[in-house]
Structure formats: structure tokens, C-alpha cells
């Protein structure tokens, strides 16, 4: 069974409580449950990881390389806009990486318009709330199947 790693970034443990205008009221647990359900439907294993530590995120990406995961989904939150450390860790991966965001980062504050990951990811999905996660999973599976 193909393995897809979902990486949740900084402050995502606060989904459901944090800024419901931008992120709605869905919790991280509910997001992961929806990903698990879709993963079963698509016949892939989805493992989720969340951290508020940039070092832990880089270490998990390194472990994903060692595990030879088939694809990585990442919503790095604010790290998207400035973490060259996470960018460099992602660049090590040889599998498809899909960047996603619940909100439309291009319609928000100017600092959110730029992604330091954009040049190294397969694609970016943003602005669709929980659907951004599900669309990203479908896109990753499609990429895996094309190989």
C-alpha cells in the first residue's frame, strides 16, 4: 500500500479555536479523520504529523526520506513564508510534495503571498478549507499513479 505523509505545521493544533473566519471550526482531529477516510477510499495509507517545532518538522521530513514515502502533503502554516530550513529538508525528498493551505494565502496579508516552498513542490492548493486537504491527497495519489 502506498504511504502518504501529511505534515501539519505551527499552530495547527489550534484549528477549531483559532481564527474561525479564516480556518472555520474544524479541528485537526477532524481533518485527519477526513484524510484517513479518503485514504481508505483511494487505497493509500495516510500518516499525519503535527508539530510546533521547526526542528521536529525537519527531522520528520528526514525520516520520510529514509522511509521512502510515496508522497508528502504539507500545510506548514506561517513557516511557508520564511522557513528555508523546512524548504531545504523538503528538497531532499524524491517523491511528489503538495503544498496546501485552508485559506487563500494570495488574498491575505502581503507577507503570506510568497511561499519559499513554491519552487520545489509539485503544486499548491489553497483557499478551499478542508477541501484543500482532500484535493491535495487526490493530487498526490494521481502523481503516484502516473509513475
N, C-alpha and C. Protein backbone atom coordinates (compact mmCIF):
# COMPACT_ATOMS: atom_id res chain seq x y z
N UNK A 1 0.84 -1.18 0.00
CA UNK A 1 0.00 0.00 0.00
C UNK A 1 0.90 1.25 0.00
N UNK A 2 0.57 2.20 -0.83
CA UNK A 2 1.32 3.45 -0.92
C UNK A 2 1.14 4.26 0.36
N UNK A 3 2.21 4.94 0.78
CA UNK A 3 2.18 5.72 2.01
C UNK A 3 2.34 7.20 1.71
N UNK A 4 1.42 7.98 2.25
CA UNK A 4 1.45 9.43 2.09
C UNK A 4 1.55 10.05 3.47
N UNK A 5 2.48 10.98 3.61
CA UNK A 5 2.68 11.66 4.88
C UNK A 5 2.07 13.06 4.81
N UNK A 6 1.20 13.35 5.77
CA UNK A 6 0.58 14.67 5.90
C UNK A 6 1.30 15.41 7.01
N UNK A 7 1.94 16.52 6.67
CA UNK A 7 2.66 17.34 7.65
C UNK A 7 1.86 18.60 7.98
N UNK A 8 1.50 18.73 9.23
CA UNK A 8 0.77 19.91 9.72
C UNK A 8 1.75 20.78 10.49
N UNK A 9 1.75 22.06 10.19
CA UNK A 9 2.71 22.96 10.80
C UNK A 9 2.25 23.67 12.05
N UNK A 10 2.95 24.73 12.29
CA UNK A 10 2.82 25.52 13.51
C UNK A 10 1.39 26.05 13.70
N UNK A 11 0.91 25.91 14.92
CA UNK A 11 -0.41 26.37 15.37
C UNK A 11 -1.58 25.55 14.85
N UNK A 12 -1.33 24.53 14.07
CA UNK A 12 -2.45 23.76 13.53
C UNK A 12 -3.15 22.92 14.57
N UNK A 13 -2.50 22.68 15.68
CA UNK A 13 -3.17 22.01 16.79
C UNK A 13 -4.30 22.88 17.36
N UNK A 14 -4.34 24.14 16.98
CA UNK A 14 -5.36 25.07 17.45
C UNK A 14 -6.52 25.24 16.47
N UNK A 15 -6.52 24.49 15.36
CA UNK A 15 -7.67 24.55 14.46
C UNK A 15 -8.94 24.24 15.27
N UNK A 16 -10.00 24.93 14.94
CA UNK A 16 -11.25 24.79 15.67
C UNK A 16 -11.41 25.88 16.72
N UNK A 17 -10.29 26.45 17.14
CA UNK A 17 -10.29 27.52 18.13
C UNK A 17 -9.71 28.80 17.55
N UNK A 18 -8.85 28.66 16.57
CA UNK A 18 -8.06 29.77 16.04
C UNK A 18 -8.74 30.39 14.82
N UNK A 19 -8.99 31.67 14.84
CA UNK A 19 -9.45 32.47 13.71
C UNK A 19 -10.46 31.73 12.82
N UNK A 20 -11.68 31.51 13.33
CA UNK A 20 -12.67 30.76 12.54
C UNK A 20 -13.06 31.43 11.22
N UNK A 21 -12.83 32.72 11.09
CA UNK A 21 -13.12 33.39 9.81
C UNK A 21 -12.23 32.82 8.71
N UNK A 22 -10.94 32.60 9.02
CA UNK A 22 -10.00 32.08 8.03
C UNK A 22 -10.03 30.56 7.95
N UNK A 23 -10.20 29.89 9.10
CA UNK A 23 -9.98 28.45 9.15
C UNK A 23 -11.21 27.63 9.49
N UNK A 24 -12.34 28.29 9.74
CA UNK A 24 -13.54 27.56 10.11
C UNK A 24 -13.44 27.00 11.51
N UNK A 25 -14.30 26.04 11.82
CA UNK A 25 -14.34 25.47 13.16
C UNK A 25 -13.90 24.01 13.18
N UNK A 26 -13.45 23.51 12.06
CA UNK A 26 -12.99 22.12 12.01
C UNK A 26 -11.70 21.97 12.81
N UNK A 27 -11.57 20.86 13.51
CA UNK A 27 -10.38 20.61 14.31
C UNK A 27 -9.36 19.79 13.51
N UNK A 28 -8.14 19.78 14.02
CA UNK A 28 -7.10 18.98 13.38
C UNK A 28 -7.48 17.50 13.38
N UNK A 29 -8.06 17.03 14.45
CA UNK A 29 -8.51 15.64 14.51
C UNK A 29 -9.54 15.33 13.45
N UNK A 30 -10.45 16.26 13.21
CA UNK A 30 -11.47 16.06 12.17
C UNK A 30 -10.84 16.07 10.78
N UNK A 31 -9.86 16.93 10.56
CA UNK A 31 -9.14 16.96 9.28
C UNK A 31 -8.46 15.62 9.05
N UNK A 32 -7.74 15.14 10.06
CA UNK A 32 -7.04 13.87 9.93
C UNK A 32 -8.01 12.71 9.68
N UNK A 33 -9.16 12.73 10.33
CA UNK A 33 -10.17 11.68 10.12
C UNK A 33 -10.68 11.70 8.68
N UNK A 34 -10.91 12.89 8.14
CA UNK A 34 -11.36 13.00 6.74
C UNK A 34 -10.28 12.49 5.78
N UNK A 35 -9.02 12.81 6.08
CA UNK A 35 -7.92 12.30 5.26
C UNK A 35 -7.83 10.77 5.34
N UNK A 36 -8.01 10.22 6.52
CA UNK A 36 -8.00 8.77 6.68
C UNK A 36 -9.11 8.12 5.86
N UNK A 37 -10.31 8.69 5.93
CA UNK A 37 -11.45 8.15 5.17
C UNK A 37 -11.17 8.17 3.68
N UNK A 38 -10.67 9.30 3.18
CA UNK A 38 -10.37 9.39 1.75
C UNK A 38 -9.20 8.48 1.39
N UNK A 39 -8.22 8.36 2.27
CA UNK A 39 -7.11 7.45 2.03
C UNK A 39 -7.58 6.02 1.85
N UNK A 40 -8.51 5.59 2.70
CA UNK A 40 -9.07 4.23 2.55
C UNK A 40 -9.76 4.09 1.20
N UNK A 41 -10.53 5.10 0.83
CA UNK A 41 -11.23 5.08 -0.45
C UNK A 41 -10.25 4.99 -1.63
N UNK A 42 -9.12 5.67 -1.51
CA UNK A 42 -8.12 5.70 -2.58
C UNK A 42 -7.07 4.60 -2.45
N UNK A 43 -7.22 3.77 -1.44
CA UNK A 43 -6.30 2.64 -1.19
C UNK A 43 -4.87 3.08 -0.93
N UNK A 44 -4.72 4.13 -0.11
CA UNK A 44 -3.40 4.58 0.33
C UNK A 44 -3.44 4.75 1.84
N UNK A 45 -2.27 4.63 2.45
CA UNK A 45 -2.12 4.85 3.88
C UNK A 45 -1.72 6.30 4.10
N UNK A 46 -2.44 7.00 4.96
CA UNK A 46 -2.12 8.39 5.28
C UNK A 46 -1.68 8.46 6.74
N UNK A 47 -0.48 8.97 6.95
CA UNK A 47 0.02 9.21 8.30
C UNK A 47 0.11 10.71 8.49
N UNK A 48 -0.40 11.19 9.61
CA UNK A 48 -0.36 12.63 9.90
C UNK A 48 0.62 12.92 11.02
N UNK A 49 1.25 14.08 10.91
CA UNK A 49 2.21 14.55 11.91
C UNK A 49 2.04 16.04 12.07
N UNK A 50 1.93 16.50 13.31
CA UNK A 50 1.84 17.94 13.59
C UNK A 50 2.87 18.30 14.63
N UNK A 51 3.50 19.45 14.44
CA UNK A 51 4.44 19.97 15.43
C UNK A 51 4.46 21.48 15.37
N UNK A 52 4.83 22.06 16.51
CA UNK A 52 5.07 23.50 16.59
C UNK A 52 6.56 23.79 16.63
N UNK A 53 7.37 22.75 16.40
CA UNK A 53 8.82 22.88 16.42
C UNK A 53 9.38 22.71 15.01
N UNK A 54 10.05 23.73 14.53
CA UNK A 54 10.65 23.68 13.20
C UNK A 54 11.67 22.55 13.09
N UNK A 55 12.44 22.34 14.14
CA UNK A 55 13.43 21.25 14.13
C UNK A 55 12.75 19.89 14.03
N UNK A 56 11.66 19.71 14.77
CA UNK A 56 10.93 18.44 14.70
C UNK A 56 10.35 18.21 13.31
N UNK A 57 9.89 19.30 12.67
CA UNK A 57 9.36 19.17 11.32
C UNK A 57 10.46 18.71 10.36
N UNK A 58 11.63 19.32 10.45
CA UNK A 58 12.75 18.92 9.59
C UNK A 58 13.14 17.47 9.84
N UNK A 59 13.18 17.07 11.10
CA UNK A 59 13.53 15.69 11.43
C UNK A 59 12.50 14.70 10.87
N UNK A 60 11.22 15.08 10.92
CA UNK A 60 10.18 14.18 10.37
C UNK A 60 10.31 14.07 8.86
N UNK A 61 10.67 15.16 8.21
CA UNK A 61 10.89 15.11 6.76
C UNK A 61 12.09 14.22 6.44
N UNK A 62 13.14 14.33 7.21
CA UNK A 62 14.31 13.45 7.01
C UNK A 62 13.91 11.99 7.16
N UNK A 63 13.09 11.72 8.17
CA UNK A 63 12.63 10.34 8.39
C UNK A 63 11.77 9.88 7.21
N UNK A 64 10.96 10.76 6.64
CA UNK A 64 10.15 10.41 5.47
C UNK A 64 11.03 10.00 4.30
N UNK A 65 12.16 10.69 4.14
CA UNK A 65 13.11 10.32 3.09
C UNK A 65 13.64 8.91 3.34
N UNK A 66 14.04 8.65 4.59
CA UNK A 66 14.56 7.33 4.93
C UNK A 66 13.51 6.23 4.76
N UNK A 67 12.25 6.55 5.03
CA UNK A 67 11.15 5.59 4.88
C UNK A 67 10.75 5.39 3.42
N UNK A 68 11.23 6.29 2.56
CA UNK A 68 10.86 6.26 1.15
C UNK A 68 9.35 6.38 0.95
N UNK A 69 8.74 7.37 1.63
CA UNK A 69 7.31 7.58 1.47
C UNK A 69 7.01 7.90 0.01
N UNK A 70 5.78 7.65 -0.39
CA UNK A 70 5.39 7.82 -1.79
C UNK A 70 5.00 9.26 -2.15
N UNK A 71 4.56 10.03 -1.15
CA UNK A 71 4.21 11.43 -1.37
C UNK A 71 4.12 12.13 -0.02
N UNK A 72 4.27 13.44 -0.05
CA UNK A 72 4.15 14.26 1.15
C UNK A 72 3.19 15.40 0.85
N UNK A 73 2.27 15.61 1.78
CA UNK A 73 1.40 16.78 1.77
C UNK A 73 1.88 17.67 2.90
N UNK A 74 1.94 18.97 2.68
CA UNK A 74 2.39 19.86 3.75
C UNK A 74 1.56 21.14 3.79
N UNK A 75 1.04 21.41 4.97
CA UNK A 75 0.49 22.72 5.31
C UNK A 75 1.37 23.21 6.45
N UNK A 76 2.36 23.97 6.12
CA UNK A 76 3.36 24.40 7.10
C UNK A 76 2.93 25.65 7.87
N UNK A 77 1.76 26.19 7.55
CA UNK A 77 1.33 27.41 8.22
C UNK A 77 2.30 28.53 7.93
N UNK A 78 2.58 29.35 8.93
CA UNK A 78 3.44 30.52 8.75
C UNK A 78 4.84 30.16 8.28
N UNK A 79 5.31 28.95 8.58
CA UNK A 79 6.64 28.54 8.11
C UNK A 79 6.75 28.60 6.58
N UNK A 80 5.62 28.47 5.91
CA UNK A 80 5.59 28.51 4.44
C UNK A 80 6.30 29.75 3.90
N UNK A 81 6.22 30.82 4.63
CA UNK A 81 6.64 32.12 4.12
C UNK A 81 8.08 32.48 4.47
N UNK A 82 8.73 31.67 5.33
CA UNK A 82 10.09 32.07 5.70
C UNK A 82 11.03 30.93 6.08
N UNK A 83 10.56 29.70 6.18
CA UNK A 83 11.43 28.64 6.69
C UNK A 83 12.26 28.00 5.58
N UNK A 84 13.46 28.50 5.41
CA UNK A 84 14.37 27.90 4.45
C UNK A 84 14.88 26.55 4.95
N UNK A 85 14.88 26.36 6.26
CA UNK A 85 15.26 25.06 6.81
C UNK A 85 14.30 23.97 6.40
N UNK A 86 13.00 24.23 6.51
CA UNK A 86 12.00 23.25 6.07
C UNK A 86 12.06 23.11 4.56
N UNK A 87 12.25 24.21 3.85
CA UNK A 87 12.37 24.13 2.38
C UNK A 87 13.51 23.21 1.99
N UNK A 88 14.67 23.38 2.62
CA UNK A 88 15.82 22.55 2.28
C UNK A 88 15.58 21.08 2.64
N UNK A 89 14.88 20.83 3.74
CA UNK A 89 14.54 19.45 4.10
C UNK A 89 13.62 18.85 3.04
N UNK A 90 12.59 19.60 2.62
CA UNK A 90 11.67 19.10 1.59
C UNK A 90 12.40 18.82 0.28
N UNK A 91 13.41 19.63 -0.04
CA UNK A 91 14.15 19.46 -1.30
C UNK A 91 14.90 18.14 -1.34
N UNK A 92 15.15 17.54 -0.20
CA UNK A 92 15.82 16.24 -0.15
C UNK A 92 14.91 15.12 -0.69
N UNK A 93 13.62 15.29 -0.54
CA UNK A 93 12.67 14.25 -0.92
C UNK A 93 12.68 14.00 -2.42
N UNK A 94 12.47 12.75 -2.79
CA UNK A 94 12.42 12.38 -4.21
C UNK A 94 10.99 12.04 -4.64
N UNK A 95 10.05 12.18 -3.74
CA UNK A 95 8.64 11.91 -4.04
C UNK A 95 7.90 13.23 -4.29
N UNK A 96 6.68 13.15 -4.84
CA UNK A 96 5.90 14.37 -5.02
C UNK A 96 5.56 15.02 -3.67
N UNK A 97 5.66 16.35 -3.63
CA UNK A 97 5.28 17.13 -2.45
C UNK A 97 4.21 18.11 -2.89
N UNK A 98 3.10 18.12 -2.17
CA UNK A 98 1.99 19.03 -2.47
C UNK A 98 1.83 19.97 -1.28
N UNK A 99 1.94 21.27 -1.55
CA UNK A 99 1.73 22.30 -0.54
C UNK A 99 0.26 22.66 -0.51
N UNK A 100 -0.29 22.83 0.68
CA UNK A 100 -1.71 23.20 0.76
C UNK A 100 -1.94 24.16 1.91
N UNK A 101 -3.03 24.90 1.77
CA UNK A 101 -3.46 25.85 2.79
C UNK A 101 -4.98 25.91 2.79
N UNK A 102 -5.56 26.02 3.98
CA UNK A 102 -7.01 26.13 4.08
C UNK A 102 -7.49 27.47 3.52
N UNK A 103 -6.77 28.54 3.83
CA UNK A 103 -7.17 29.86 3.35
C UNK A 103 -6.43 30.17 2.04
N UNK A 104 -6.91 31.17 1.34
CA UNK A 104 -6.24 31.61 0.12
C UNK A 104 -5.13 32.57 0.52
N UNK A 105 -3.91 32.04 0.57
CA UNK A 105 -2.78 32.85 1.04
C UNK A 105 -2.53 34.07 0.15
N UNK A 106 -2.98 34.03 -1.08
CA UNK A 106 -2.76 35.14 -2.02
C UNK A 106 -3.77 36.27 -1.85
N UNK A 107 -4.79 36.03 -1.03
CA UNK A 107 -5.81 37.04 -0.77
C UNK A 107 -5.72 37.57 0.66
N UNK A 108 -4.62 37.27 1.31
CA UNK A 108 -4.43 37.68 2.70
C UNK A 108 -3.32 38.72 2.82
N UNK A 109 -2.74 38.83 3.99
CA UNK A 109 -1.68 39.82 4.22
C UNK A 109 -0.55 39.61 3.22
N UNK A 110 0.09 40.70 2.79
CA UNK A 110 1.15 40.58 1.77
C UNK A 110 2.25 39.58 2.11
N UNK A 111 2.64 39.45 3.39
CA UNK A 111 3.72 38.52 3.70
C UNK A 111 3.33 37.07 3.42
N UNK A 112 2.03 36.78 3.36
CA UNK A 112 1.57 35.41 3.10
C UNK A 112 1.54 35.07 1.60
N UNK A 113 1.73 36.04 0.75
CA UNK A 113 1.64 35.80 -0.69
C UNK A 113 2.80 34.98 -1.23
N UNK A 114 3.91 34.97 -0.53
CA UNK A 114 5.10 34.27 -1.00
C UNK A 114 5.30 32.96 -0.26
N UNK A 115 5.56 31.90 -1.00
CA UNK A 115 5.90 30.60 -0.42
C UNK A 115 7.34 30.28 -0.77
N UNK A 116 8.16 30.02 0.26
CA UNK A 116 9.54 29.62 -0.02
C UNK A 116 9.60 28.18 -0.53
N UNK A 117 8.49 27.46 -0.45
CA UNK A 117 8.43 26.08 -0.95
C UNK A 117 8.03 26.00 -2.42
N UNK A 118 7.46 27.05 -2.97
CA UNK A 118 6.83 27.00 -4.29
C UNK A 118 7.73 26.43 -5.38
N UNK A 119 8.99 26.74 -5.35
CA UNK A 119 9.90 26.29 -6.41
C UNK A 119 10.21 24.81 -6.35
N UNK A 120 9.96 24.16 -5.22
CA UNK A 120 10.37 22.75 -5.08
C UNK A 120 9.19 21.79 -4.95
N UNK A 121 7.97 22.30 -4.77
CA UNK A 121 6.82 21.41 -4.64
C UNK A 121 6.21 21.14 -6.02
N UNK A 122 5.48 20.04 -6.11
CA UNK A 122 4.80 19.71 -7.37
C UNK A 122 3.71 20.72 -7.67
N UNK A 123 2.99 21.13 -6.63
CA UNK A 123 1.92 22.09 -6.81
C UNK A 123 1.42 22.61 -5.48
N UNK A 124 0.52 23.58 -5.57
CA UNK A 124 -0.02 24.25 -4.38
C UNK A 124 -1.53 24.34 -4.52
N UNK A 125 -2.22 24.01 -3.44
CA UNK A 125 -3.68 24.12 -3.39
C UNK A 125 -4.03 24.98 -2.19
N UNK A 126 -4.83 26.02 -2.40
CA UNK A 126 -5.18 26.88 -1.27
C UNK A 126 -6.56 27.48 -1.46
N UNK A 127 -7.17 27.83 -0.32
CA UNK A 127 -8.41 28.58 -0.34
C UNK A 127 -9.69 27.77 -0.26
N UNK A 128 -9.60 26.47 -0.09
CA UNK A 128 -10.79 25.62 -0.12
C UNK A 128 -11.12 24.99 1.23
N UNK A 129 -10.56 25.52 2.31
CA UNK A 129 -10.84 24.96 3.63
C UNK A 129 -10.41 23.51 3.70
N UNK A 130 -11.25 22.68 4.31
CA UNK A 130 -10.94 21.25 4.43
C UNK A 130 -10.75 20.62 3.05
N UNK A 131 -11.42 21.12 2.06
CA UNK A 131 -11.28 20.55 0.71
C UNK A 131 -9.86 20.69 0.18
N UNK A 132 -9.11 21.69 0.64
CA UNK A 132 -7.71 21.82 0.21
C UNK A 132 -6.94 20.56 0.57
N UNK A 133 -7.19 20.01 1.75
CA UNK A 133 -6.52 18.78 2.17
C UNK A 133 -6.92 17.61 1.28
N UNK A 134 -8.21 17.49 1.02
CA UNK A 134 -8.70 16.35 0.24
C UNK A 134 -8.27 16.45 -1.22
N UNK A 135 -8.27 17.65 -1.76
CA UNK A 135 -7.78 17.85 -3.13
C UNK A 135 -6.29 17.53 -3.22
N UNK A 136 -5.53 17.93 -2.20
CA UNK A 136 -4.10 17.65 -2.19
C UNK A 136 -3.83 16.15 -2.14
N UNK A 137 -4.62 15.43 -1.35
CA UNK A 137 -4.45 13.98 -1.28
C UNK A 137 -4.77 13.35 -2.63
N UNK A 138 -5.83 13.79 -3.26
CA UNK A 138 -6.17 13.26 -4.59
C UNK A 138 -5.07 13.57 -5.61
N UNK A 139 -4.52 14.77 -5.55
CA UNK A 139 -3.45 15.15 -6.47
C UNK A 139 -2.20 14.30 -6.25
N UNK A 140 -1.86 14.06 -4.99
CA UNK A 140 -0.69 13.23 -4.68
C UNK A 140 -0.88 11.82 -5.19
N UNK A 141 -2.05 11.25 -4.98
CA UNK A 141 -2.33 9.89 -5.47
C UNK A 141 -2.24 9.85 -6.99
N UNK A 142 -2.76 10.85 -7.67
CA UNK A 142 -2.68 10.91 -9.12
C UNK A 142 -1.22 10.95 -9.58
N UNK A 143 -0.38 11.70 -8.88
CA UNK A 143 1.05 11.77 -9.21
C UNK A 143 1.72 10.41 -9.03
N UNK A 144 1.39 9.74 -7.95
CA UNK A 144 1.97 8.42 -7.69
C UNK A 144 1.57 7.43 -8.78
N UNK A 145 0.32 7.48 -9.17
CA UNK A 145 -0.19 6.55 -10.17
C UNK A 145 0.41 6.79 -11.55
N UNK A 146 0.88 8.00 -11.83
CA UNK A 146 1.48 8.32 -13.13
C UNK A 146 2.89 7.76 -13.28
N UNK A 147 3.50 7.37 -12.16
CA UNK A 147 4.87 6.86 -12.22
C UNK A 147 4.90 5.43 -12.70
